[in-house]
mmCIF file of all heavy atoms, coordinates in Angstrom:
data_MODEL
# 
_entry.id   MODEL 
# 
loop_
_atom_site.group_PDB 
_atom_site.id 
_atom_site.type_symbol 
_atom_site.label_atom_id 
_atom_site.label_alt_id 
_atom_site.label_comp_id 
_atom_site.label_asym_id 
_atom_site.label_entity_id 
_atom_site.label_seq_id 
_atom_site.pdbx_PDB_ins_code 
_atom_site.Cartn_x 
_atom_site.Cartn_y 
_atom_site.Cartn_z 
_atom_site.occupancy 
_atom_site.B_iso_or_equiv 
_atom_site.pdbx_formal_charge 
_atom_site.auth_seq_id 
_atom_site.auth_comp_id 
_atom_site.auth_asym_id 
_atom_site.auth_atom_id 
_atom_site.pdbx_PDB_model_num 
ATOM 1   N N   . LEU A 1 1  ? 5.802   -6.004  4.786   1.00 0.00 ? 1  LEU A N   1 
ATOM 2   C CA  . LEU A 1 1  ? 4.491   -6.035  5.434   1.00 0.00 ? 1  LEU A CA  1 
ATOM 3   C C   . LEU A 1 1  ? 4.357   -4.799  6.302   1.00 0.00 ? 1  LEU A C   1 
ATOM 4   O O   . LEU A 1 1  ? 5.158   -4.586  7.210   1.00 0.00 ? 1  LEU A O   1 
ATOM 5   C CB  . LEU A 1 1  ? 4.340   -7.297  6.290   1.00 0.00 ? 1  LEU A CB  1 
ATOM 6   C CG  . LEU A 1 1  ? 3.119   -7.368  7.196   1.00 0.00 ? 1  LEU A CG  1 
ATOM 7   C CD1 . LEU A 1 1  ? 1.835   -7.357  6.380   1.00 0.00 ? 1  LEU A CD1 1 
ATOM 8   C CD2 . LEU A 1 1  ? 3.193   -8.585  8.083   1.00 0.00 ? 1  LEU A CD2 1 
ATOM 9   N N   . TRP A 1 2  ? 3.353   -3.974  6.011   1.00 0.00 ? 2  TRP A N   1 
ATOM 10  C CA  . TRP A 1 2  ? 3.060   -2.789  6.825   1.00 0.00 ? 2  TRP A CA  1 
ATOM 11  C C   . TRP A 1 2  ? 1.880   -3.100  7.719   1.00 0.00 ? 2  TRP A C   1 
ATOM 12  O O   . TRP A 1 2  ? 0.811   -3.485  7.234   1.00 0.00 ? 2  TRP A O   1 
ATOM 13  C CB  . TRP A 1 2  ? 2.722   -1.589  5.936   1.00 0.00 ? 2  TRP A CB  1 
ATOM 14  C CG  . TRP A 1 2  ? 3.934   -1.053  5.256   1.00 0.00 ? 2  TRP A CG  1 
ATOM 15  C CD1 . TRP A 1 2  ? 4.386   -1.399  4.025   1.00 0.00 ? 2  TRP A CD1 1 
ATOM 16  C CD2 . TRP A 1 2  ? 4.856   -0.118  5.781   1.00 0.00 ? 2  TRP A CD2 1 
ATOM 17  N NE1 . TRP A 1 2  ? 5.551   -0.727  3.754   1.00 0.00 ? 2  TRP A NE1 1 
ATOM 18  C CE2 . TRP A 1 2  ? 5.858   0.063   4.815   1.00 0.00 ? 2  TRP A CE2 1 
ATOM 19  C CE3 . TRP A 1 2  ? 4.942   0.580   6.983   1.00 0.00 ? 2  TRP A CE3 1 
ATOM 20  C CZ2 . TRP A 1 2  ? 6.927   0.927   5.005   1.00 0.00 ? 2  TRP A CZ2 1 
ATOM 21  C CZ3 . TRP A 1 2  ? 6.012   1.434   7.161   1.00 0.00 ? 2  TRP A CZ3 1 
ATOM 22  C CH2 . TRP A 1 2  ? 6.989   1.603   6.178   1.00 0.00 ? 2  TRP A CH2 1 
ATOM 23  N N   . VAL A 1 3  ? 2.049   -2.970  9.008   1.00 0.00 ? 3  VAL A N   1 
ATOM 24  C CA  . VAL A 1 3  ? 0.965   -3.128  9.984   1.00 0.00 ? 3  VAL A CA  1 
ATOM 25  C C   . VAL A 1 3  ? 0.520   -1.727  10.358  1.00 0.00 ? 3  VAL A C   1 
ATOM 26  O O   . VAL A 1 3  ? 1.319   -0.915  10.836  1.00 0.00 ? 3  VAL A O   1 
ATOM 27  C CB  . VAL A 1 3  ? 1.446   -3.907  11.228  1.00 0.00 ? 3  VAL A CB  1 
ATOM 28  C CG1 . VAL A 1 3  ? 0.321   -4.028  12.237  1.00 0.00 ? 3  VAL A CG1 1 
ATOM 29  C CG2 . VAL A 1 3  ? 1.978   -5.274  10.823  1.00 0.00 ? 3  VAL A CG2 1 
ATOM 30  N N   . VAL A 1 4  ? -0.748  -1.432  10.092  1.00 0.00 ? 4  VAL A N   1 
ATOM 31  C CA  . VAL A 1 4  ? -1.285  -0.086  10.261  1.00 0.00 ? 4  VAL A CA  1 
ATOM 32  C C   . VAL A 1 4  ? -2.391  -0.128  11.317  1.00 0.00 ? 4  VAL A C   1 
ATOM 33  O O   . VAL A 1 4  ? -3.182  -1.064  11.368  1.00 0.00 ? 4  VAL A O   1 
ATOM 34  C CB  . VAL A 1 4  ? -1.829  0.443   8.916   1.00 0.00 ? 4  VAL A CB  1 
ATOM 35  C CG1 . VAL A 1 4  ? -2.292  1.860   9.028   1.00 0.00 ? 4  VAL A CG1 1 
ATOM 36  C CG2 . VAL A 1 4  ? -0.766  0.321   7.835   1.00 0.00 ? 4  VAL A CG2 1 
ATOM 37  N N   . LEU A 1 5  ? -2.444  0.917   12.156  1.00 0.00 ? 5  LEU A N   1 
ATOM 38  C CA  . LEU A 1 5  ? -3.336  0.893   13.319  1.00 0.00 ? 5  LEU A CA  1 
ATOM 39  C C   . LEU A 1 5  ? -4.619  1.699   13.173  1.00 0.00 ? 5  LEU A C   1 
ATOM 40  O O   . LEU A 1 5  ? -5.473  1.638   14.053  1.00 0.00 ? 5  LEU A O   1 
ATOM 41  C CB  . LEU A 1 5  ? -2.562  1.370   14.557  1.00 0.00 ? 5  LEU A CB  1 
ATOM 42  C CG  . LEU A 1 5  ? -1.262  0.618   14.844  1.00 0.00 ? 5  LEU A CG  1 
ATOM 43  C CD1 . LEU A 1 5  ? -0.568  1.200   16.061  1.00 0.00 ? 5  LEU A CD1 1 
ATOM 44  C CD2 . LEU A 1 5  ? -1.510  -0.868  15.009  1.00 0.00 ? 5  LEU A CD2 1 
ATOM 45  N N   . SER A 1 6  ? -4.788  2.466   12.103  1.00 0.00 ? 6  SER A N   1 
ATOM 46  C CA  . SER A 1 6  ? -6.031  3.229   11.925  1.00 0.00 ? 6  SER A CA  1 
ATOM 47  C C   . SER A 1 6  ? -6.561  3.046   10.512  1.00 0.00 ? 6  SER A C   1 
ATOM 48  O O   . SER A 1 6  ? -5.797  2.826   9.567   1.00 0.00 ? 6  SER A O   1 
ATOM 49  C CB  . SER A 1 6  ? -5.806  4.722   12.201  1.00 0.00 ? 6  SER A CB  1 
ATOM 50  O OG  . SER A 1 6  ? -5.126  5.334   11.124  1.00 0.00 ? 6  SER A OG  1 
ATOM 51  N N   . SER A 1 7  ? -7.869  3.150   10.343  1.00 0.00 ? 7  SER A N   1 
ATOM 52  C CA  . SER A 1 7  ? -8.478  2.936   9.029   1.00 0.00 ? 7  SER A CA  1 
ATOM 53  C C   . SER A 1 7  ? -8.043  4.000   8.025   1.00 0.00 ? 7  SER A C   1 
ATOM 54  O O   . SER A 1 7  ? -7.777  3.689   6.863   1.00 0.00 ? 7  SER A O   1 
ATOM 55  C CB  . SER A 1 7  ? -9.997  2.902   9.142   1.00 0.00 ? 7  SER A CB  1 
ATOM 56  O OG  . SER A 1 7  ? -10.481 4.147   9.618   1.00 0.00 ? 7  SER A OG  1 
ATOM 57  N N   . HIS A 1 8  ? -7.970  5.258   8.463   1.00 0.00 ? 8  HIS A N   1 
ATOM 58  C CA  . HIS A 1 8  ? -7.562  6.329   7.552   1.00 0.00 ? 8  HIS A CA  1 
ATOM 59  C C   . HIS A 1 8  ? -6.137  6.108   7.051   1.00 0.00 ? 8  HIS A C   1 
ATOM 60  O O   . HIS A 1 8  ? -5.869  6.199   5.850   1.00 0.00 ? 8  HIS A O   1 
ATOM 61  C CB  . HIS A 1 8  ? -7.676  7.694   8.254   1.00 0.00 ? 8  HIS A CB  1 
ATOM 62  C CG  . HIS A 1 8  ? -7.181  8.826   7.424   1.00 0.00 ? 8  HIS A CG  1 
ATOM 63  N ND1 . HIS A 1 8  ? -7.885  9.299   6.339   1.00 0.00 ? 8  HIS A ND1 1 
ATOM 64  C CD2 . HIS A 1 8  ? -6.046  9.558   7.493   1.00 0.00 ? 8  HIS A CD2 1 
ATOM 65  C CE1 . HIS A 1 8  ? -7.200  10.283  5.776   1.00 0.00 ? 8  HIS A CE1 1 
ATOM 66  N NE2 . HIS A 1 8  ? -6.080  10.462  6.470   1.00 0.00 ? 8  HIS A NE2 1 
ATOM 67  N N   . ARG A 1 9  ? -5.256  5.780   7.954   1.00 0.00 ? 9  ARG A N   1 
ATOM 68  C CA  . ARG A 1 9  ? -3.861  5.552   7.576   1.00 0.00 ? 9  ARG A CA  1 
ATOM 69  C C   . ARG A 1 9  ? -3.739  4.292   6.722   1.00 0.00 ? 9  ARG A C   1 
ATOM 70  O O   . ARG A 1 9  ? -2.925  4.224   5.800   1.00 0.00 ? 9  ARG A O   1 
ATOM 71  C CB  . ARG A 1 9  ? -3.005  5.443   8.828   1.00 0.00 ? 9  ARG A CB  1 
ATOM 72  C CG  . ARG A 1 9  ? -1.547  5.414   8.572   1.00 0.00 ? 9  ARG A CG  1 
ATOM 73  C CD  . ARG A 1 9  ? -1.052  6.692   7.928   1.00 0.00 ? 9  ARG A CD  1 
ATOM 74  N NE  . ARG A 1 9  ? 0.407   6.686   7.949   1.00 0.00 ? 9  ARG A NE  1 
ATOM 75  C CZ  . ARG A 1 9  ? 1.157   7.732   7.777   1.00 0.00 ? 9  ARG A CZ  1 
ATOM 76  N NH1 . ARG A 1 9  ? 0.602   8.894   7.537   1.00 0.00 ? 9  ARG A NH1 1 
ATOM 77  N NH2 . ARG A 1 9  ? 2.446   7.633   7.842   1.00 0.00 ? 9  ARG A NH2 1 
ATOM 78  N N   . ALA A 1 10 ? -4.558  3.287   7.001   1.00 0.00 ? 10 ALA A N   1 
ATOM 79  C CA  . ALA A 1 10 ? -4.546  2.067   6.198   1.00 0.00 ? 10 ALA A CA  1 
ATOM 80  C C   . ALA A 1 10 ? -4.896  2.384   4.746   1.00 0.00 ? 10 ALA A C   1 
ATOM 81  O O   . ALA A 1 10 ? -4.289  1.837   3.823   1.00 0.00 ? 10 ALA A O   1 
ATOM 82  C CB  . ALA A 1 10 ? -5.511  1.039   6.771   1.00 0.00 ? 10 ALA A CB  1 
ATOM 83  N N   . GLN A 1 11 ? -5.848  3.277   4.537   1.00 0.00 ? 11 GLN A N   1 
ATOM 84  C CA  . GLN A 1 11 ? -6.203  3.686   3.174   1.00 0.00 ? 11 GLN A CA  1 
ATOM 85  C C   . GLN A 1 11 ? -5.038  4.392   2.502   1.00 0.00 ? 11 GLN A C   1 
ATOM 86  O O   . GLN A 1 11 ? -4.731  4.126   1.345   1.00 0.00 ? 11 GLN A O   1 
ATOM 87  C CB  . GLN A 1 11 ? -7.421  4.605   3.190   1.00 0.00 ? 11 GLN A CB  1 
ATOM 88  C CG  . GLN A 1 11 ? -8.709  3.884   3.490   1.00 0.00 ? 11 GLN A CG  1 
ATOM 89  C CD  . GLN A 1 11 ? -9.879  4.851   3.512   1.00 0.00 ? 11 GLN A CD  1 
ATOM 90  O OE1 . GLN A 1 11 ? -9.767  5.970   3.993   1.00 0.00 ? 11 GLN A OE1 1 
ATOM 91  N NE2 . GLN A 1 11 ? -10.998 4.401   2.972   1.00 0.00 ? 11 GLN A NE2 1 
ATOM 92  N N   . GLU A 1 12 ? -4.384  5.310   3.223   1.00 0.00 ? 12 GLU A N   1 
ATOM 93  C CA  . GLU A 1 12 ? -3.267  6.058   2.652   1.00 0.00 ? 12 GLU A CA  1 
ATOM 94  C C   . GLU A 1 12 ? -2.095  5.138   2.288   1.00 0.00 ? 12 GLU A C   1 
ATOM 95  O O   . GLU A 1 12 ? -1.561  5.220   1.179   1.00 0.00 ? 12 GLU A O   1 
ATOM 96  C CB  . GLU A 1 12 ? -2.776  7.130   3.629   1.00 0.00 ? 12 GLU A CB  1 
ATOM 97  C CG  . GLU A 1 12 ? -3.729  8.271   3.824   1.00 0.00 ? 12 GLU A CG  1 
ATOM 98  C CD  . GLU A 1 12 ? -3.211  9.305   4.807   1.00 0.00 ? 12 GLU A CD  1 
ATOM 99  O OE1 . GLU A 1 12 ? -2.359  8.977   5.660   1.00 0.00 ? 12 GLU A OE1 1 
ATOM 100 O OE2 . GLU A 1 12 ? -3.654  10.448  4.706   1.00 0.00 ? 12 GLU A OE2 1 
ATOM 101 N N   . VAL A 1 13 ? -1.713  4.283   3.216   1.00 0.00 ? 13 VAL A N   1 
ATOM 102 C CA  . VAL A 1 13 ? -0.592  3.384   2.964   1.00 0.00 ? 13 VAL A CA  1 
ATOM 103 C C   . VAL A 1 13 ? -0.977  2.359   1.893   1.00 0.00 ? 13 VAL A C   1 
ATOM 104 O O   . VAL A 1 13 ? -0.163  1.992   1.046   1.00 0.00 ? 13 VAL A O   1 
ATOM 105 C CB  . VAL A 1 13 ? -0.122  2.694   4.268   1.00 0.00 ? 13 VAL A CB  1 
ATOM 106 C CG1 . VAL A 1 13 ? 0.974   1.672   3.993   1.00 0.00 ? 13 VAL A CG1 1 
ATOM 107 C CG2 . VAL A 1 13 ? 0.367   3.743   5.263   1.00 0.00 ? 13 VAL A CG2 1 
ATOM 108 N N   . GLY A 1 14 ? -2.237  1.931   1.907   1.00 0.00 ? 14 GLY A N   1 
ATOM 109 C CA  . GLY A 1 14 ? -2.722  1.008   0.876   1.00 0.00 ? 14 GLY A CA  1 
ATOM 110 C C   . GLY A 1 14 ? -2.654  1.612   -0.513  1.00 0.00 ? 14 GLY A C   1 
ATOM 111 O O   . GLY A 1 14 ? -2.248  0.948   -1.471  1.00 0.00 ? 14 GLY A O   1 
ATOM 112 N N   . GLU A 1 15 ? -3.041  2.877   -0.643  1.00 0.00 ? 15 GLU A N   1 
ATOM 113 C CA  . GLU A 1 15 ? -2.955  3.555   -1.940  1.00 0.00 ? 15 GLU A CA  1 
ATOM 114 C C   . GLU A 1 15 ? -1.507  3.673   -2.395  1.00 0.00 ? 15 GLU A C   1 
ATOM 115 O O   . GLU A 1 15 ? -1.203  3.492   -3.577  1.00 0.00 ? 15 GLU A O   1 
ATOM 116 C CB  . GLU A 1 15 ? -3.603  4.933   -1.864  1.00 0.00 ? 15 GLU A CB  1 
ATOM 117 C CG  . GLU A 1 15 ? -5.108  4.889   -1.776  1.00 0.00 ? 15 GLU A CG  1 
ATOM 118 C CD  . GLU A 1 15 ? -5.739  6.257   -1.582  1.00 0.00 ? 15 GLU A CD  1 
ATOM 119 O OE1 . GLU A 1 15 ? -5.068  7.283   -1.847  1.00 0.00 ? 15 GLU A OE1 1 
ATOM 120 O OE2 . GLU A 1 15 ? -6.899  6.299   -1.162  1.00 0.00 ? 15 GLU A OE2 1 
ATOM 121 N N   . LEU A 1 16 ? -0.621  3.986   -1.474  1.00 0.00 ? 16 LEU A N   1 
ATOM 122 C CA  . LEU A 1 16 ? 0.802   4.071   -1.792  1.00 0.00 ? 16 LEU A CA  1 
ATOM 123 C C   . LEU A 1 16 ? 1.316   2.706   -2.284  1.00 0.00 ? 16 LEU A C   1 
ATOM 124 O O   . LEU A 1 16 ? 2.002   2.624   -3.302  1.00 0.00 ? 16 LEU A O   1 
ATOM 125 C CB  . LEU A 1 16 ? 1.597   4.520   -0.574  1.00 0.00 ? 16 LEU A CB  1 
ATOM 126 C CG  . LEU A 1 16 ? 3.109   4.622   -0.744  1.00 0.00 ? 16 LEU A CG  1 
ATOM 127 C CD1 . LEU A 1 16 ? 3.469   5.695   -1.759  1.00 0.00 ? 16 LEU A CD1 1 
ATOM 128 C CD2 . LEU A 1 16 ? 3.754   4.927   0.596   1.00 0.00 ? 16 LEU A CD2 1 
ATOM 129 N N   . ALA A 1 17 ? 0.955   1.648   -1.586  1.00 0.00 ? 17 ALA A N   1 
ATOM 130 C CA  . ALA A 1 17 ? 1.388   0.300   -1.969  1.00 0.00 ? 17 ALA A CA  1 
ATOM 131 C C   . ALA A 1 17 ? 0.828   -0.072  -3.339  1.00 0.00 ? 17 ALA A C   1 
ATOM 132 O O   . ALA A 1 17 ? 1.546   -0.646  -4.173  1.00 0.00 ? 17 ALA A O   1 
ATOM 133 C CB  . ALA A 1 17 ? 0.959   -0.717  -0.917  1.00 0.00 ? 17 ALA A CB  1 
ATOM 134 N N   . ARG A 1 18 ? -0.445  0.249   -3.583  1.00 0.00 ? 18 ARG A N   1 
ATOM 135 C CA  . ARG A 1 18 ? -1.041  -0.058  -4.895  1.00 0.00 ? 18 ARG A CA  1 
ATOM 136 C C   . ARG A 1 18 ? -0.327  0.687   -6.024  1.00 0.00 ? 18 ARG A C   1 
ATOM 137 O O   . ARG A 1 18 ? -0.114  0.131   -7.104  1.00 0.00 ? 18 ARG A O   1 
ATOM 138 C CB  . ARG A 1 18 ? -2.526  0.274   -4.905  1.00 0.00 ? 18 ARG A CB  1 
ATOM 139 C CG  . ARG A 1 18 ? -3.364  -0.760  -4.198  1.00 0.00 ? 18 ARG A CG  1 
ATOM 140 C CD  . ARG A 1 18 ? -4.855  -0.480  -4.369  1.00 0.00 ? 18 ARG A CD  1 
ATOM 141 N NE  . ARG A 1 18 ? -5.591  -1.007  -3.256  1.00 0.00 ? 18 ARG A NE  1 
ATOM 142 C CZ  . ARG A 1 18 ? -5.826  -0.376  -2.114  1.00 0.00 ? 18 ARG A CZ  1 
ATOM 143 N NH1 . ARG A 1 18 ? -5.414  0.846   -1.931  1.00 0.00 ? 18 ARG A NH1 1 
ATOM 144 N NH2 . ARG A 1 18 ? -6.505  -0.961  -1.148  1.00 0.00 ? 18 ARG A NH2 1 
ATOM 145 N N   . SER A 1 19 ? 0.057   1.932   -5.780  1.00 0.00 ? 19 SER A N   1 
ATOM 146 C CA  . SER A 1 19 ? 0.771   2.686   -6.816  1.00 0.00 ? 19 SER A CA  1 
ATOM 147 C C   . SER A 1 19 ? 2.132   2.048   -7.107  1.00 0.00 ? 19 SER A C   1 
ATOM 148 O O   . SER A 1 19 ? 2.566   1.997   -8.254  1.00 0.00 ? 19 SER A O   1 
ATOM 149 C CB  . SER A 1 19 ? 0.927   4.161   -6.427  1.00 0.00 ? 19 SER A CB  1 
ATOM 150 O OG  . SER A 1 19 ? 1.855   4.318   -5.386  1.00 0.00 ? 19 SER A OG  1 
ATOM 151 N N   . TRP A 1 20 ? 2.786   1.551   -6.060  1.00 0.00 ? 20 TRP A N   1 
ATOM 152 C CA  . TRP A 1 20 ? 4.062   0.846   -6.250  1.00 0.00 ? 20 TRP A CA  1 
ATOM 153 C C   . TRP A 1 20 ? 3.844   -0.425  -7.057  1.00 0.00 ? 20 TRP A C   1 
ATOM 154 O O   . TRP A 1 20 ? 4.635   -0.754  -7.924  1.00 0.00 ? 20 TRP A O   1 
ATOM 155 C CB  . TRP A 1 20 ? 4.680   0.500   -4.901  1.00 0.00 ? 20 TRP A CB  1 
ATOM 156 C CG  . TRP A 1 20 ? 5.610   1.556   -4.431  1.00 0.00 ? 20 TRP A CG  1 
ATOM 157 C CD1 . TRP A 1 20 ? 5.267   2.735   -3.839  1.00 0.00 ? 20 TRP A CD1 1 
ATOM 158 C CD2 . TRP A 1 20 ? 7.018   1.555   -4.528  1.00 0.00 ? 20 TRP A CD2 1 
ATOM 159 N NE1 . TRP A 1 20 ? 6.384   3.451   -3.553  1.00 0.00 ? 20 TRP A NE1 1 
ATOM 160 C CE2 . TRP A 1 20 ? 7.477   2.759   -3.962  1.00 0.00 ? 20 TRP A CE2 1 
ATOM 161 C CE3 . TRP A 1 20 ? 7.944   0.646   -5.030  1.00 0.00 ? 20 TRP A CE3 1 
ATOM 162 C CZ2 . TRP A 1 20 ? 8.820   3.077   -3.892  1.00 0.00 ? 20 TRP A CZ2 1 
ATOM 163 C CZ3 . TRP A 1 20 ? 9.288   0.967   -4.951  1.00 0.00 ? 20 TRP A CZ3 1 
ATOM 164 C CH2 . TRP A 1 20 ? 9.714   2.169   -4.393  1.00 0.00 ? 20 TRP A CH2 1 
ATOM 165 N N   . LEU A 1 21 ? 2.760   -1.135  -6.764  1.00 0.00 ? 21 LEU A N   1 
ATOM 166 C CA  . LEU A 1 21 ? 2.500   -2.387  -7.456  1.00 0.00 ? 21 LEU A CA  1 
ATOM 167 C C   . LEU A 1 21 ? 2.162   -2.156  -8.927  1.00 0.00 ? 21 LEU A C   1 
ATOM 168 O O   . LEU A 1 21 ? 2.438   -3.008  -9.767  1.00 0.00 ? 21 LEU A O   1 
ATOM 169 C CB  . LEU A 1 21 ? 1.390   -3.169  -6.754  1.00 0.00 ? 21 LEU A CB  1 
ATOM 170 C CG  . LEU A 1 21 ? 1.784   -3.741  -5.393  1.00 0.00 ? 21 LEU A CG  1 
ATOM 171 C CD1 . LEU A 1 21 ? 0.569   -4.308  -4.686  1.00 0.00 ? 21 LEU A CD1 1 
ATOM 172 C CD2 . LEU A 1 21 ? 2.879   -4.787  -5.545  1.00 0.00 ? 21 LEU A CD2 1 
ATOM 173 N N   . GLU A 1 22 ? 1.555   -1.028  -9.250  1.00 0.00 ? 22 GLU A N   1 
ATOM 174 C CA  . GLU A 1 22 ? 1.295   -0.705  -10.651 1.00 0.00 ? 22 GLU A CA  1 
ATOM 175 C C   . GLU A 1 22 ? 2.603   -0.479  -11.397 1.00 0.00 ? 22 GLU A C   1 
ATOM 176 O O   . GLU A 1 22 ? 2.747   -0.875  -12.547 1.00 0.00 ? 22 GLU A O   1 
ATOM 177 C CB  . GLU A 1 22 ? 0.413   0.537   -10.762 1.00 0.00 ? 22 GLU A CB  1 
ATOM 178 C CG  . GLU A 1 22 ? -1.025  0.287   -10.409 1.00 0.00 ? 22 GLU A CG  1 
ATOM 179 C CD  . GLU A 1 22 ? -1.870  1.544   -10.469 1.00 0.00 ? 22 GLU A CD  1 
ATOM 180 O OE1 . GLU A 1 22 ? -1.442  2.542   -11.096 1.00 0.00 ? 22 GLU A OE1 1 
ATOM 181 O OE2 . GLU A 1 22 ? -2.967  1.535   -9.902  1.00 0.00 ? 22 GLU A OE2 1 
ATOM 182 N N   . GLU A 1 23 ? 3.541   0.167   -10.726 1.00 0.00 ? 23 GLU A N   1 
ATOM 183 C CA  . GLU A 1 23 ? 4.829   0.465   -11.343 1.00 0.00 ? 23 GLU A CA  1 
ATOM 184 C C   . GLU A 1 23 ? 5.763   -0.745  -11.347 1.00 0.00 ? 23 GLU A C   1 
ATOM 185 O O   . GLU A 1 23 ? 6.505   -0.961  -12.287 1.00 0.00 ? 23 GLU A O   1 
ATOM 186 C CB  . GLU A 1 23 ? 5.498   1.623   -10.599 1.00 0.00 ? 23 GLU A CB  1 
ATOM 187 C CG  . GLU A 1 23 ? 6.785   2.076   -11.216 1.00 0.00 ? 23 GLU A CG  1 
ATOM 188 C CD  . GLU A 1 23 ? 7.391   3.263   -10.492 1.00 0.00 ? 23 GLU A CD  1 
ATOM 189 O OE1 . GLU A 1 23 ? 6.672   3.953   -9.744  1.00 0.00 ? 23 GLU A OE1 1 
ATOM 190 O OE2 . GLU A 1 23 ? 8.589   3.495   -10.670 1.00 0.00 ? 23 GLU A OE2 1 
ATOM 191 N N   . TRP A 1 24 ? 5.727   -1.523  -10.287 1.00 0.00 ? 24 TRP A N   1 
ATOM 192 C CA  . TRP A 1 24 ? 6.624   -2.666  -10.110 1.00 0.00 ? 24 TRP A CA  1 
ATOM 193 C C   . TRP A 1 24 ? 5.810   -3.954  -10.042 1.00 0.00 ? 24 TRP A C   1 
ATOM 194 O O   . TRP A 1 24 ? 5.609   -4.520  -8.967  1.00 0.00 ? 24 TRP A O   1 
ATOM 195 C CB  . TRP A 1 24 ? 7.451   -2.508  -8.834  1.00 0.00 ? 24 TRP A CB  1 
ATOM 196 C CG  . TRP A 1 24 ? 8.320   -1.301  -8.830  1.00 0.00 ? 24 TRP A CG  1 
ATOM 197 C CD1 . TRP A 1 24 ? 8.000   -0.073  -8.342  1.00 0.00 ? 24 TRP A CD1 1 
ATOM 198 C CD2 . TRP A 1 24 ? 9.630   -1.197  -9.353  1.00 0.00 ? 24 TRP A CD2 1 
ATOM 199 N NE1 . TRP A 1 24 ? 9.039   0.791   -8.520  1.00 0.00 ? 24 TRP A NE1 1 
ATOM 200 C CE2 . TRP A 1 24 ? 10.060  0.133   -9.141  1.00 0.00 ? 24 TRP A CE2 1 
ATOM 201 C CE3 . TRP A 1 24 ? 10.489  -2.088  -9.985  1.00 0.00 ? 24 TRP A CE3 1 
ATOM 202 C CZ2 . TRP A 1 24 ? 11.308  0.580   -9.542  1.00 0.00 ? 24 TRP A CZ2 1 
ATOM 203 C CZ3 . TRP A 1 24 ? 11.731  -1.636  -10.375 1.00 0.00 ? 24 TRP A CZ3 1 
ATOM 204 C CH2 . TRP A 1 24 ? 12.131  -0.326  -10.156 1.00 0.00 ? 24 TRP A CH2 1 
ATOM 205 N N   . ARG A 1 25 ? 5.346   -4.441  -11.174 1.00 0.00 ? 25 ARG A N   1 
ATOM 206 C CA  . ARG A 1 25 ? 4.505   -5.647  -11.223 1.00 0.00 ? 25 ARG A CA  1 
ATOM 207 C C   . ARG A 1 25 ? 5.201   -6.865  -10.605 1.00 0.00 ? 25 ARG A C   1 
ATOM 208 O O   . ARG A 1 25 ? 4.543   -7.757  -10.093 1.00 0.00 ? 25 ARG A O   1 
ATOM 209 C CB  . ARG A 1 25 ? 4.104   -5.959  -12.655 1.00 0.00 ? 25 ARG A CB  1 
ATOM 210 C CG  . ARG A 1 25 ? 3.271   -4.887  -13.299 1.00 0.00 ? 25 ARG A CG  1 
ATOM 211 C CD  . ARG A 1 25 ? 1.825   -5.197  -13.140 1.00 0.00 ? 25 ARG A CD  1 
ATOM 212 N NE  . ARG A 1 25 ? 1.040   -4.184  -13.844 1.00 0.00 ? 25 ARG A NE  1 
ATOM 213 C CZ  . ARG A 1 25 ? -0.084  -3.721  -13.397 1.00 0.00 ? 25 ARG A CZ  1 
ATOM 214 N NH1 . ARG A 1 25 ? -0.568  -4.187  -12.257 1.00 0.00 ? 25 ARG A NH1 1 
ATOM 215 N NH2 . ARG A 1 25 ? -0.758  -2.815  -14.052 1.00 0.00 ? 25 ARG A NH2 1 
ATOM 216 N N   . SER A 1 26 ? 6.509   -6.890  -10.661 1.00 0.00 ? 26 SER A N   1 
ATOM 217 C CA  . SER A 1 26 ? 7.248   -8.029  -10.109 1.00 0.00 ? 26 SER A CA  1 
ATOM 218 C C   . SER A 1 26 ? 7.107   -8.129  -8.594  1.00 0.00 ? 26 SER A C   1 
ATOM 219 O O   . SER A 1 26 ? 7.424   -9.158  -8.007  1.00 0.00 ? 26 SER A O   1 
ATOM 220 C CB  . SER A 1 26 ? 8.727   -7.943  -10.490 1.00 0.00 ? 26 SER A CB  1 
ATOM 221 O OG  . SER A 1 26 ? 9.305   -6.792  -9.916  1.00 0.00 ? 26 SER A OG  1 
ATOM 222 N N   . LEU A 1 27 ? 6.625   -7.070  -7.938  1.00 0.00 ? 27 LEU A N   1 
ATOM 223 C CA  . LEU A 1 27 ? 6.449   -7.086  -6.485  1.00 0.00 ? 27 LEU A CA  1 
ATOM 224 C C   . LEU A 1 27 ? 5.059   -7.571  -6.063  1.00 0.00 ? 27 LEU A C   1 
ATOM 225 O O   . LEU A 1 27 ? 4.741   -7.590  -4.881  1.00 0.00 ? 27 LEU A O   1 
ATOM 226 C CB  . LEU A 1 27 ? 6.684   -5.681  -5.919  1.00 0.00 ? 27 LEU A CB  1 
ATOM 227 C CG  . LEU A 1 27 ? 8.085   -5.116  -6.115  1.00 0.00 ? 27 LEU A CG  1 
ATOM 228 C CD1 . LEU A 1 27 ? 8.158   -3.697  -5.586  1.00 0.00 ? 27 LEU A CD1 1 
ATOM 229 C CD2 . LEU A 1 27 ? 9.120   -5.994  -5.446  1.00 0.00 ? 27 LEU A CD2 1 
ATOM 230 N N   . GLU A 1 28 ? 4.245   -7.960  -7.020  1.00 0.00 ? 28 GLU A N   1 
ATOM 231 C CA  . GLU A 1 28 ? 2.888   -8.450  -6.728  1.00 0.00 ? 28 GLU A CA  1 
ATOM 232 C C   . GLU A 1 28 ? 2.951   -9.547  -5.682  1.00 0.00 ? 28 GLU A C   1 
ATOM 233 O O   . GLU A 1 28 ? 3.706   -10.508 -5.818  1.00 0.00 ? 28 GLU A O   1 
ATOM 234 C CB  . GLU A 1 28 ? 2.238   -8.979  -8.003  1.00 0.00 ? 28 GLU A CB  1 
ATOM 235 C CG  . GLU A 1 28 ? 0.789   -9.327  -7.839  1.00 0.00 ? 28 GLU A CG  1 
ATOM 236 C CD  . GLU A 1 28 ? -0.102  -8.101  -7.724  1.00 0.00 ? 28 GLU A CD  1 
ATOM 237 O OE1 . GLU A 1 28 ? 0.156   -7.114  -8.429  1.00 0.00 ? 28 GLU A OE1 1 
ATOM 238 O OE2 . GLU A 1 28 ? -1.029  -8.125  -6.902  1.00 0.00 ? 28 GLU A OE2 1 
# 
């Protein structure tokens, strides 16, 4: 669980997490 404090950073970390989830479906 990543707790993020700004909207811009939330988008960046969210995109990173989504890319991981595309590669690692078992982590859904």
